[in-house]
């Protein structure tokens, strides 16, 4: 997704008039409780962030995907400082497990 596209989604669904790196849209309902939802990532923003953080685009996309999925699972770093800490810990845990699986 491009920055202008994610900007429009961010404005429409979150009321934030700016582009962002990742958005999550829950889909689960009474008829389909096993559906998590959609995760939308701005590749342009991810590329800039990867360069700024000194790692690959693949690593940044992986981080953003984990972040988006955690939102779909109910984590929300914007709720409180303690929730932000909890979510960031879970992100690190998932990333470490994924790295271990991919290097076995």
PDB file of N, CA and C in Angstrom:
ATOM      1  N   UNK A   1       0.849  -1.169   0.000  1.00  0.00           N
ATOM      2  CA  UNK A   1       0.000   0.000   0.000  1.00  0.00           C
ATOM      3  C   UNK A   1       0.899   1.236   0.000  1.00  0.00           C
ATOM      4  N   UNK A   2       0.429   2.307  -0.612  1.00  0.00           N
ATOM      5  CA  UNK A   2       1.206   3.552  -0.671  1.00  0.00           C
ATOM      6  C   UNK A   2       0.861   4.456   0.511  1.00  0.00           C
ATOM      7  N   UNK A   3       1.714   5.444   0.746  1.00  0.00           N
ATOM      8  CA  UNK A   3       1.439   6.409   1.813  1.00  0.00           C
ATOM      9  C   UNK A   3       0.104   7.140   1.618  1.00  0.00           C
ATOM     10  N   UNK A   4      -0.210   7.634   0.398  1.00  0.00           N
ATOM     11  CA  UNK A   4      -1.509   8.292   0.227  1.00  0.00           C
ATOM     12  C   UNK A   4      -2.695   7.370   0.509  1.00  0.00           C
ATOM     13  N   UNK A   5      -2.582   6.108   0.130  1.00  0.00           N
ATOM     14  CA  UNK A   5      -3.672   5.160   0.381  1.00  0.00           C
ATOM     15  C   UNK A   5      -3.870   4.906   1.876  1.00  0.00           C
ATOM     16  N   UNK A   6      -2.774   4.693   2.590  1.00  0.00           N
ATOM     17  CA  UNK A   6      -2.900   4.431   4.023  1.00  0.00           C
ATOM     18  C   UNK A   6      -3.294   5.699   4.772  1.00  0.00           C
ATOM     19  N   UNK A   7      -2.887   6.860   4.255  1.00  0.00           N
ATOM     20  CA  UNK A   7      -3.300   8.149   4.817  1.00  0.00           C
ATOM     21  C   UNK A   7      -4.825   8.259   4.770  1.00  0.00           C
ATOM     22  N   UNK A   8      -5.393   7.931   3.622  1.00  0.00           N
ATOM     23  CA  UNK A   8      -6.856   7.983   3.477  1.00  0.00           C
ATOM     24  C   UNK A   8      -7.551   7.037   4.455  1.00  0.00           C
ATOM     25  N   UNK A   9      -7.033   5.820   4.572  1.00  0.00           N
ATOM     26  CA  UNK A   9      -7.627   4.860   5.513  1.00  0.00           C
ATOM     27  C   UNK A   9      -7.498   5.347   6.957  1.00  0.00           C
ATOM     28  N   UNK A  10      -6.348   5.889   7.297  1.00  0.00           N
ATOM     29  CA  UNK A  10      -6.114   6.379   8.657  1.00  0.00           C
ATOM     30  C   UNK A  10      -7.069   7.525   8.990  1.00  0.00           C
ATOM     31  N   UNK A  11      -7.283   8.399   8.030  1.00  0.00           N
ATOM     32  CA  UNK A  11      -8.219   9.515   8.226  1.00  0.00           C
ATOM     33  C   UNK A  11      -9.656   9.000   8.329  1.00  0.00           C
ATOM     34  N   UNK A  12     -10.026   8.107   7.433  1.00  0.00           N
ATOM     35  CA  UNK A  12     -11.399   7.600   7.385  1.00  0.00           C
ATOM     36  C   UNK A  12     -11.771   6.768   8.613  1.00  0.00           C
ATOM     37  N   UNK A  13     -10.880   5.887   9.043  1.00  0.00           N
ATOM     38  CA  UNK A  13     -11.235   4.944  10.104  1.00  0.00           C
ATOM     39  C   UNK A  13     -10.724   5.316  11.493  1.00  0.00           C
ATOM     40  N   UNK A  14      -9.705   6.161  11.554  1.00  0.00           N
ATOM     41  CA  UNK A  14      -9.170   6.513  12.867  1.00  0.00           C
ATOM     42  C   UNK A  14      -9.238   8.013  13.150  1.00  0.00           C
ATOM     43  N   UNK A  15      -9.629   8.791  12.149  1.00  0.00           N
ATOM     44  CA  UNK A  15      -9.717  10.236  12.343  1.00  0.00           C
ATOM     45  C   UNK A  15      -8.361  10.908  12.462  1.00  0.00           C
ATOM     46  N   UNK A  16      -7.323  10.255  11.970  1.00  0.00           N
ATOM     47  CA  UNK A  16      -5.969  10.809  12.023  1.00  0.00           C
ATOM     48  C   UNK A  16      -5.546  11.172  10.612  1.00  0.00           C
ATOM     49  N   UNK A  17      -5.339  12.462  10.387  1.00  0.00           N
ATOM     50  CA  UNK A  17      -5.073  12.980   9.049  1.00  0.00           C
ATOM     51  C   UNK A  17      -3.584  12.949   8.728  1.00  0.00           C
ATOM     52  N   UNK A  18      -3.041  11.732   8.667  1.00  0.00           N
ATOM     53  CA  UNK A  18      -1.631  11.550   8.329  1.00  0.00           C
ATOM     54  C   UNK A  18      -1.415  10.093   7.937  1.00  0.00           C
ATOM     55  N   UNK A  19      -0.364   9.847   7.172  1.00  0.00           N
ATOM     56  CA  UNK A  19      -0.045   8.456   6.868  1.00  0.00           C
ATOM     57  C   UNK A  19       0.485   7.760   8.125  1.00  0.00           C
ATOM     58  N   UNK A  20       0.458   6.449   8.104  1.00  0.00           N
ATOM     59  CA  UNK A  20       0.987   5.655   9.210  1.00  0.00           C
ATOM     60  C   UNK A  20       1.674   4.432   8.620  1.00  0.00           C
ATOM     61  N   UNK A  21       2.316   3.662   9.452  1.00  0.00           N
ATOM     62  CA  UNK A  21       3.031   2.503   8.934  1.00  0.00           C
ATOM     63  C   UNK A  21       2.142   1.268   8.806  1.00  0.00           C
ATOM     64  N   UNK A  22       1.227   1.051   9.772  1.00  0.00           N
ATOM     65  CA  UNK A  22       0.409  -0.158   9.760  1.00  0.00           C
ATOM     66  C   UNK A  22      -0.963   0.128  10.358  1.00  0.00           C
ATOM     67  N   UNK A  23      -1.984  -0.474   9.769  1.00  0.00           N
ATOM     68  CA  UNK A  23      -3.347  -0.402  10.292  1.00  0.00           C
ATOM     69  C   UNK A  23      -3.913  -1.817  10.362  1.00  0.00           C
ATOM     70  N   UNK A  24      -4.739  -2.042  11.360  1.00  0.00           N
ATOM     71  CA  UNK A  24      -5.396  -3.339  11.522  1.00  0.00           C
ATOM     72  C   UNK A  24      -6.900  -3.148  11.502  1.00  0.00           C
ATOM     73  N   UNK A  25      -7.584  -4.053  10.809  1.00  0.00           N
ATOM     74  CA  UNK A  25      -9.031  -3.989  10.698  1.00  0.00           C
ATOM     75  C   UNK A  25      -9.619  -5.331  11.117  1.00  0.00           C
ATOM     76  N   UNK A  26     -10.212  -5.398  12.314  1.00  0.00           N
ATOM     77  CA  UNK A  26     -10.796  -6.668  12.781  1.00  0.00           C
ATOM     78  C   UNK A  26     -11.964  -7.102  11.902  1.00  0.00           C
ATOM     79  N   UNK A  27     -12.078  -8.405  11.698  1.00  0.00           N
ATOM     80  CA  UNK A  27     -13.168  -8.950  10.889  1.00  0.00           C
ATOM     81  C   UNK A  27     -14.034  -9.944  11.645  1.00  0.00           C
ATOM     82  N   UNK A  28     -13.565 -10.428  12.775  1.00  0.00           N
ATOM     83  CA  UNK A  28     -14.307 -11.456  13.510  1.00  0.00           C
ATOM     84  C   UNK A  28     -15.683 -10.938  13.907  1.00  0.00           C
ATOM     85  N   UNK A  29     -16.664 -11.822  13.807  1.00  0.00           N
ATOM     86  CA  UNK A  29     -18.020 -11.510  14.260  1.00  0.00           C
ATOM     87  C   UNK A  29     -18.667 -12.807  14.728  1.00  0.00           C
ATOM     88  N   UNK A  30     -19.927 -12.764  15.066  1.00  0.00           N
ATOM     89  CA  UNK A  30     -20.612 -13.945  15.591  1.00  0.00           C
ATOM     90  C   UNK A  30     -20.633 -15.092  14.577  1.00  0.00           C
ATOM     91  N   UNK A  31     -20.701 -14.762  13.292  1.00  0.00           N
ATOM     92  CA  UNK A  31     -20.750 -15.799  12.264  1.00  0.00           C
ATOM     93  C   UNK A  31     -19.368 -16.362  11.915  1.00  0.00           C
ATOM     94  N   UNK A  32     -18.343 -15.541  12.060  1.00  0.00           N
ATOM     95  CA  UNK A  32     -16.974 -15.936  11.712  1.00  0.00           C
ATOM     96  C   UNK A  32     -16.016 -15.588  12.855  1.00  0.00           C
ATOM     97  N   UNK A  33     -16.165 -16.179  14.020  1.00  0.00           N
ATOM     98  CA  UNK A  33     -15.339 -15.785  15.164  1.00  0.00           C
ATOM     99  C   UNK A  33     -13.856 -16.113  15.006  1.00  0.00           C
ATOM    100  N   UNK A  34     -13.514 -16.998  14.092  1.00  0.00           N
ATOM    101  CA  UNK A  34     -12.112 -17.365  13.935  1.00  0.00           C
ATOM    102  C   UNK A  34     -11.336 -16.417  13.019  1.00  0.00           C
ATOM    103  N   UNK A  35     -12.025 -15.523  12.334  1.00  0.00           N
ATOM    104  CA  UNK A  35     -11.337 -14.549  11.488  1.00  0.00           C
ATOM    105  C   UNK A  35     -10.675 -13.491  12.367  1.00  0.00           C
ATOM    106  N   UNK A  36      -9.431 -13.204  12.101  1.00  0.00           N
ATOM    107  CA  UNK A  36      -8.780 -12.119  12.829  1.00  0.00           C
ATOM    108  C   UNK A  36      -9.090 -10.785  12.166  1.00  0.00           C
ATOM    109  N   UNK A  37      -8.657 -10.636  10.924  1.00  0.00           N
ATOM    110  CA  UNK A  37      -8.883  -9.383  10.221  1.00  0.00           C
ATOM    111  C   UNK A  37      -7.803  -9.126   9.194  1.00  0.00           C
ATOM    112  N   UNK A  38      -7.727  -7.884   8.770  1.00  0.00           N
ATOM    113  CA  UNK A  38      -6.753  -7.458   7.767  1.00  0.00           C
ATOM    114  C   UNK A  38      -5.707  -6.578   8.414  1.00  0.00           C
ATOM    115  N   UNK A  39      -4.484  -6.718   7.945  1.00  0.00           N
ATOM    116  CA  UNK A  39      -3.385  -5.842   8.341  1.00  0.00           C
ATOM    117  C   UNK A  39      -2.912  -5.160   7.067  1.00  0.00           C
ATOM    118  N   UNK A  40      -2.869  -3.824   7.094  1.00  0.00           N
ATOM    119  CA  UNK A  40      -2.458  -3.032   5.943  1.00  0.00           C
ATOM    120  C   UNK A  40      -1.170  -2.311   6.309  1.00  0.00           C
ATOM    121  N   UNK A  41      -0.152  -2.441   5.455  1.00  0.00           N
ATOM    122  CA  UNK A  41       1.159  -1.841   5.718  1.00  0.00           C
ATOM    123  C   UNK A  41       1.535  -0.917   4.582  1.00  0.00           C
ATOM    124  N   UNK A  42       2.038   0.269   4.919  1.00  0.00           N
ATOM    125  CA  UNK A  42       2.595   1.164   3.918  1.00  0.00           C
ATOM    126  C   UNK A  42       4.039   0.751   3.672  1.00  0.00           C
ATOM    127  N   UNK A  43       4.307   0.224   2.494  1.00  0.00           N
ATOM    128  CA  UNK A  43       5.654  -0.236   2.172  1.00  0.00           C
ATOM    129  C   UNK A  43       6.625   0.942   2.120  1.00  0.00           C
ATOM    130  N   UNK A  44       6.172   2.087   1.641  1.00  0.00           N
ATOM    131  CA  UNK A  44       7.051   3.261   1.574  1.00  0.00           C
ATOM    132  C   UNK A  44       7.483   3.695   2.978  1.00  0.00           C
ATOM    133  N   UNK A  45       6.540   3.750   3.898  1.00  0.00           N
ATOM    134  CA  UNK A  45       6.877   4.115   5.274  1.00  0.00           C
ATOM    135  C   UNK A  45       7.768   3.048   5.893  1.00  0.00           C
ATOM    136  N   UNK A  46       7.460   1.788   5.647  1.00  0.00           N
ATOM    137  CA  UNK A  46       8.282   0.695   6.174  1.00  0.00           C
ATOM    138  C   UNK A  46       9.718   0.797   5.665  1.00  0.00           C
ATOM    139  N   UNK A  47       9.895   1.143   4.403  1.00  0.00           N
ATOM    140  CA  UNK A  47      11.240   1.277   3.831  1.00  0.00           C
ATOM    141  C   UNK A  47      12.014   2.408   4.502  1.00  0.00           C
ATOM    142  N   UNK A  48      11.344   3.543   4.726  1.00  0.00           N
ATOM    143  CA  UNK A  48      12.007   4.663   5.407  1.00  0.00           C
ATOM    144  C   UNK A  48      12.390   4.286   6.832  1.00  0.00           C
ATOM    145  N   UNK A  49      11.476   3.616   7.521  1.00  0.00           N
ATOM    146  CA  UNK A  49      11.737   3.214   8.900  1.00  0.00           C
ATOM    147  C   UNK A  49      12.878   2.200   8.964  1.00  0.00           C
ATOM    148  N   UNK A  50      12.906   1.269   8.035  1.00  0.00           N
ATOM    149  CA  UNK A  50      13.973   0.267   8.008  1.00  0.00           C
ATOM    150  C   UNK A  50      15.328   0.937   7.831  1.00  0.00           C
ATOM    151  N   UNK A  51      15.383   1.880   6.915  1.00  0.00           N
ATOM    152  CA  UNK A  51      16.642   2.592   6.675  1.00  0.00           C
ATOM    153  C   UNK A  51      17.058   3.373   7.919  1.00  0.00           C
ATOM    154  N   UNK A  52      16.113   4.065   8.525  1.00  0.00           N
ATOM    155  CA  UNK A  52      16.397   4.864   9.726  1.00  0.00           C
ATOM    156  C   UNK A  52      16.835   3.977  10.893  1.00  0.00           C
ATOM    157  N   UNK A  53      16.270   2.774  10.977  1.00  0.00           N
ATOM    158  CA  UNK A  53      16.569   1.871  12.086  1.00  0.00           C
ATOM    159  C   UNK A  53      17.744   0.933  11.794  1.00  0.00           C
ATOM    160  N   UNK A  54      18.246   0.994  10.572  1.00  0.00           N
ATOM    161  CA  UNK A  54      19.433   0.219  10.224  1.00  0.00           C
ATOM    162  C   UNK A  54      19.207  -1.264  10.046  1.00  0.00           C
ATOM    163  N   UNK A  55      18.029  -1.642   9.572  1.00  0.00           N
ATOM    164  CA  UNK A  55      17.805  -3.047   9.253  1.00  0.00           C
ATOM    165  C   UNK A  55      17.074  -3.166   7.915  1.00  0.00           C
ATOM    166  N   UNK A  56      16.831  -4.380   7.500  1.00  0.00           N
ATOM    167  CA  UNK A  56      16.263  -4.611   6.171  1.00  0.00           C
ATOM    168  C   UNK A  56      14.769  -4.287   6.130  1.00  0.00           C
ATOM    169  N   UNK A  57      14.298  -4.088   4.910  1.00  0.00           N
ATOM    170  CA  UNK A  57      12.863  -3.884   4.705  1.00  0.00           C
ATOM    171  C   UNK A  57      12.103  -5.119   5.164  1.00  0.00           C
ATOM    172  N   UNK A  58      12.640  -6.288   4.909  1.00  0.00           N
ATOM    173  CA  UNK A  58      11.987  -7.529   5.340  1.00  0.00           C
ATOM    174  C   UNK A  58      11.784  -7.546   6.856  1.00  0.00           C
ATOM    175  N   UNK A  59      12.809  -7.170   7.603  1.00  0.00           N
ATOM    176  CA  UNK A  59      12.692  -7.128   9.061  1.00  0.00           C
ATOM    177  C   UNK A  59      11.623  -6.134   9.505  1.00  0.00           C
ATOM    178  N   UNK A  60      11.591  -4.975   8.847  1.00  0.00           N
ATOM    179  CA  UNK A  60      10.601  -3.957   9.212  1.00  0.00           C
ATOM    180  C   UNK A  60       9.190  -4.427   8.890  1.00  0.00           C
ATOM    181  N   UNK A  61       9.013  -5.047   7.733  1.00  0.00           N
ATOM    182  CA  UNK A  61       7.688  -5.570   7.376  1.00  0.00           C
ATOM    183  C   UNK A  61       7.257  -6.657   8.359  1.00  0.00           C
ATOM    184  N   UNK A  62       8.189  -7.491   8.772  1.00  0.00           N
ATOM    185  CA  UNK A  62       7.890  -8.528   9.757  1.00  0.00           C
ATOM    186  C   UNK A  62       7.452  -7.893  11.077  1.00  0.00           C
ATOM    187  N   UNK A  63       8.163  -6.873  11.512  1.00  0.00           N
ATOM    188  CA  UNK A  63       7.832  -6.172  12.749  1.00  0.00           C
ATOM    189  C   UNK A  63       6.445  -5.546  12.665  1.00  0.00           C
ATOM    190  N   UNK A  64       6.151  -4.905  11.547  1.00  0.00           N
ATOM    191  CA  UNK A  64       4.852  -4.254  11.382  1.00  0.00           C
ATOM    192  C   UNK A  64       3.719  -5.277  11.301  1.00  0.00           C
ATOM    193  N   UNK A  65       3.968  -6.398  10.655  1.00  0.00           N
ATOM    194  CA  UNK A  65       2.952  -7.443  10.590  1.00  0.00           C
ATOM    195  C   UNK A  65       2.656  -7.996  11.985  1.00  0.00           C
ATOM    196  N   UNK A  66       3.684  -8.257  12.763  1.00  0.00           N
ATOM    197  CA  UNK A  66       3.499  -8.713  14.147  1.00  0.00           C
ATOM    198  C   UNK A  66       2.705  -7.680  14.926  1.00  0.00           C
ATOM    199  N   UNK A  67       3.074  -6.424  14.783  1.00  0.00           N
ATOM    200  CA  UNK A  67       2.391  -5.327  15.475  1.00  0.00           C
ATOM    201  C   UNK A  67       0.906  -5.301  15.111  1.00  0.00           C
ATOM    202  N   UNK A  68       0.628  -5.394  13.821  1.00  0.00           N
ATOM    203  CA  UNK A  68      -0.757  -5.367  13.363  1.00  0.00           C
ATOM    204  C   UNK A  68      -1.564  -6.554  13.856  1.00  0.00           C
ATOM    205  N   UNK A  69      -0.961  -7.729  13.849  1.00  0.00           N
ATOM    206  CA  UNK A  69      -1.663  -8.924  14.328  1.00  0.00           C
ATOM    207  C   UNK A  69      -1.938  -8.817  15.825  1.00  0.00           C
ATOM    208  N   UNK A  70      -0.984  -8.292  16.582  1.00  0.00           N
ATOM    209  CA  UNK A  70      -1.222  -8.117  18.019  1.00  0.00           C
ATOM    210  C   UNK A  70      -2.393  -7.173  18.271  1.00  0.00           C
ATOM    211  N   UNK A  71      -2.524  -6.134  17.450  1.00  0.00           N
ATOM    212  CA  UNK A  71      -3.703  -5.261  17.576  1.00  0.00           C
ATOM    213  C   UNK A  71      -4.980  -6.074  17.364  1.00  0.00           C
ATOM    214  N   UNK A  72      -4.974  -6.950  16.372  1.00  0.00           N
ATOM    215  CA  UNK A  72      -6.158  -7.775  16.107  1.00  0.00           C
ATOM    216  C   UNK A  72      -6.456  -8.732  17.253  1.00  0.00           C
ATOM    217  N   UNK A  73      -5.428  -9.079  18.016  1.00  0.00           N
ATOM    218  CA  UNK A  73      -5.601  -9.968  19.163  1.00  0.00           C
ATOM    219  C   UNK A  73      -5.974  -9.220  20.442  1.00  0.00           C
ATOM    220  N   UNK A  74      -6.114  -7.887  20.324  1.00  0.00           N
ATOM    221  CA  UNK A  74      -6.580  -7.110  21.461  1.00  0.00           C
ATOM    222  C   UNK A  74      -5.545  -6.249  22.156  1.00  0.00           C
ATOM    223  N   UNK A  75      -4.296  -6.304  21.735  1.00  0.00           N
ATOM    224  CA  UNK A  75      -3.272  -5.442  22.323  1.00  0.00           C
ATOM    225  C   UNK A  75      -3.450  -4.023  21.790  1.00  0.00           C
ATOM    226  N   UNK A  76      -3.213  -3.027  22.639  1.00  0.00           N
ATOM    227  CA  UNK A  76      -3.337  -1.631  22.197  1.00  0.00           C
ATOM    228  C   UNK A  76      -2.384  -0.747  22.978  1.00  0.00           C
ATOM    229  N   UNK A  77      -1.279  -0.388  22.342  1.00  0.00           N
ATOM    230  CA  UNK A  77      -0.248   0.426  22.982  1.00  0.00           C
ATOM    231  C   UNK A  77      -0.698   1.851  23.261  1.00  0.00           C
ATOM    232  N   UNK A  78      -1.805   2.275  22.678  1.00  0.00           N
ATOM    233  CA  UNK A  78      -2.285   3.646  22.883  1.00  0.00           C
ATOM    234  C   UNK A  78      -3.195   3.772  24.103  1.00  0.00           C
ATOM    235  N   UNK A  79      -3.544   2.665  24.731  1.00  0.00           N
ATOM    236  CA  UNK A  79      -4.444   2.670  25.883  1.00  0.00           C
ATOM    237  C   UNK A  79      -3.770   3.232  27.127  1.00  0.00           C
ATOM    238  N   UNK A  80      -2.580   2.721  27.418  1.00  0.00           N
ATOM    239  CA  UNK A  80      -1.850   3.157  28.612  1.00  0.00           C
ATOM    240  C   UNK A  80      -0.381   2.795  28.460  1.00  0.00           C
ATOM    241  N   UNK A  81       0.429   3.365  29.321  1.00  0.00           N
ATOM    242  CA  UNK A  81       1.866   3.049  29.304  1.00  0.00           C
ATOM    243  C   UNK A  81       2.085   1.564  29.624  1.00  0.00           C
ATOM    244  N   UNK A  82       1.355   1.037  30.590  1.00  0.00           N
ATOM    245  CA  UNK A  82       1.540  -0.375  30.944  1.00  0.00           C
ATOM    246  C   UNK A  82       1.115  -1.287  29.795  1.00  0.00           C
ATOM    247  N   UNK A  83       0.060  -0.920  29.078  1.00  0.00           N
ATOM    248  CA  UNK A  83      -0.370  -1.716  27.923  1.00  0.00           C
ATOM    249  C   UNK A  83       0.660  -1.612  26.792  1.00  0.00           C
ATOM    250  N   UNK A  84       1.257  -0.438  26.628  1.00  0.00           N
ATOM    251  CA  UNK A  84       2.304  -0.274  25.612  1.00  0.00           C
ATOM    252  C   UNK A  84       3.500  -1.173  25.935  1.00  0.00           C
ATOM    253  N   UNK A  85       3.894  -1.214  27.188  1.00  0.00           N
ATOM    254  CA  UNK A  85       5.008  -2.075  27.609  1.00  0.00           C
ATOM    255  C   UNK A  85       4.650  -3.534  27.361  1.00  0.00           C
ATOM    256  N   UNK A  86       3.442  -3.921  27.731  1.00  0.00           N
ATOM    257  CA  UNK A  86       2.974  -5.302  27.530  1.00  0.00           C
ATOM    258  C   UNK A  86       3.005  -5.677  26.048  1.00  0.00           C
ATOM    259  N   UNK A  87       2.540  -4.776  25.194  1.00  0.00           N
ATOM    260  CA  UNK A  87       2.513  -5.061  23.762  1.00  0.00           C
ATOM    261  C   UNK A  87       3.921  -5.158  23.187  1.00  0.00           C
ATOM    262  N   UNK A  88       4.805  -4.247  23.584  1.00  0.00           N
ATOM    263  CA  UNK A  88       6.171  -4.272  23.058  1.00  0.00           C
ATOM    264  C   UNK A  88       6.915  -5.534  23.516  1.00  0.00           C
ATOM    265  N   UNK A  89       6.645  -5.977  24.734  1.00  0.00           N
ATOM    266  CA  UNK A  89       7.238  -7.243  25.199  1.00  0.00           C
ATOM    267  C   UNK A  89       6.755  -8.408  24.335  1.00  0.00           C
ATOM    268  N   UNK A  90       5.469  -8.422  24.061  1.00  0.00           N
ATOM    269  CA  UNK A  90       4.903  -9.495  23.234  1.00  0.00           C
ATOM    270  C   UNK A  90       5.471  -9.435  21.823  1.00  0.00           C
ATOM    271  N   UNK A  91       5.660  -8.255  21.266  1.00  0.00           N
ATOM    272  CA  UNK A  91       6.266  -8.116  19.939  1.00  0.00           C
ATOM    273  C   UNK A  91       7.655  -8.742  19.923  1.00  0.00           C
ATOM    274  N   UNK A  92       8.455  -8.415  20.938  1.00  0.00           N
ATOM    275  CA  UNK A  92       9.811  -8.979  21.010  1.00  0.00           C
ATOM    276  C   UNK A  92       9.767 -10.503  21.142  1.00  0.00           C
ATOM    277  N   UNK A  93       8.852 -11.002  21.949  1.00  0.00           N
ATOM    278  CA  UNK A  93       8.710 -12.448  22.145  1.00  0.00           C
ATOM    279  C   UNK A  93       8.347 -13.146  20.834  1.00  0.00           C
ATOM    280  N   UNK A  94       7.370 -12.617  20.128  1.00  0.00           N
ATOM    281  CA  UNK A  94       6.941 -13.217  18.859  1.00  0.00           C
ATOM    282  C   UNK A  94       8.068 -13.142  17.833  1.00  0.00           C
ATOM    283  N   UNK A  95       8.729 -12.002  17.754  1.00  0.00           N
ATOM    284  CA  UNK A  95       9.834 -11.836  16.795  1.00  0.00           C
ATOM    285  C   UNK A  95      10.951 -12.843  17.087  1.00  0.00           C
ATOM    286  N   UNK A  96      11.283 -13.039  18.365  1.00  0.00           N
ATOM    287  CA  UNK A  96      12.334 -13.992  18.743  1.00  0.00           C
ATOM    288  C   UNK A  96      11.928 -15.413  18.372  1.00  0.00           C
ATOM    289  N   UNK A  97      10.678 -15.783  18.649  1.00  0.00           N
ATOM    290  CA  UNK A  97      10.214 -17.129  18.290  1.00  0.00           C
ATOM    291  C   UNK A  97      10.238 -17.337  16.776  1.00  0.00           C
ATOM    292  N   UNK A  98       9.803 -16.333  16.048  1.00  0.00           N
ATOM    293  CA  UNK A  98       9.802 -16.435  14.584  1.00  0.00           C
ATOM    294  C   UNK A  98      11.223 -16.559  14.058  1.00  0.00           C
ATOM    295  N   UNK A  99      12.122 -15.781  14.606  1.00  0.00           N
ATOM    296  CA  UNK A  99      13.535 -15.848  14.188  1.00  0.00           C
ATOM    297  C   UNK A  99      14.092 -17.238  14.455  1.00  0.00           C
ATOM    298  N   UNK A 100      13.779 -17.800  15.617  1.00  0.00           N
ATOM    299  CA  UNK A 100      14.250 -19.152  15.949  1.00  0.00           C
ATOM    300  C   UNK A 100      13.690 -20.178  14.974  1.00  0.00           C
ATOM    301  N   UNK A 101      12.427 -20.061  14.638  1.00  0.00           N
ATOM    302  CA  UNK A 101      11.819 -21.002  13.698  1.00  0.00           C
ATOM    303  C   UNK A 101      12.457 -20.911  12.317  1.00  0.00           C
ATOM    304  N   UNK A 102      12.760 -19.693  11.896  1.00  0.00           N
ATOM    305  CA  UNK A 102      13.307 -19.485  10.560  1.00  0.00           C
ATOM    306  C   UNK A 102      14.777 -19.886  10.456  1.00  0.00           C
ATOM    307  N   UNK A 103      15.482 -19.970  11.593  1.00  0.00           N
ATOM    308  CA  UNK A 103      16.898 -20.315  11.555  1.00  0.00           C
ATOM    309  C   UNK A 103      17.162 -21.770  11.923  1.00  0.00           C
ATOM    310  N   UNK A 104      16.131 -22.518  12.240  1.00  0.00           N
ATOM    311  CA  UNK A 104      16.322 -23.938  12.579  1.00  0.00           C
ATOM    312  C   UNK A 104      16.638 -24.762  11.358  1.00  0.00           C
TER     313      UNK A 104
END
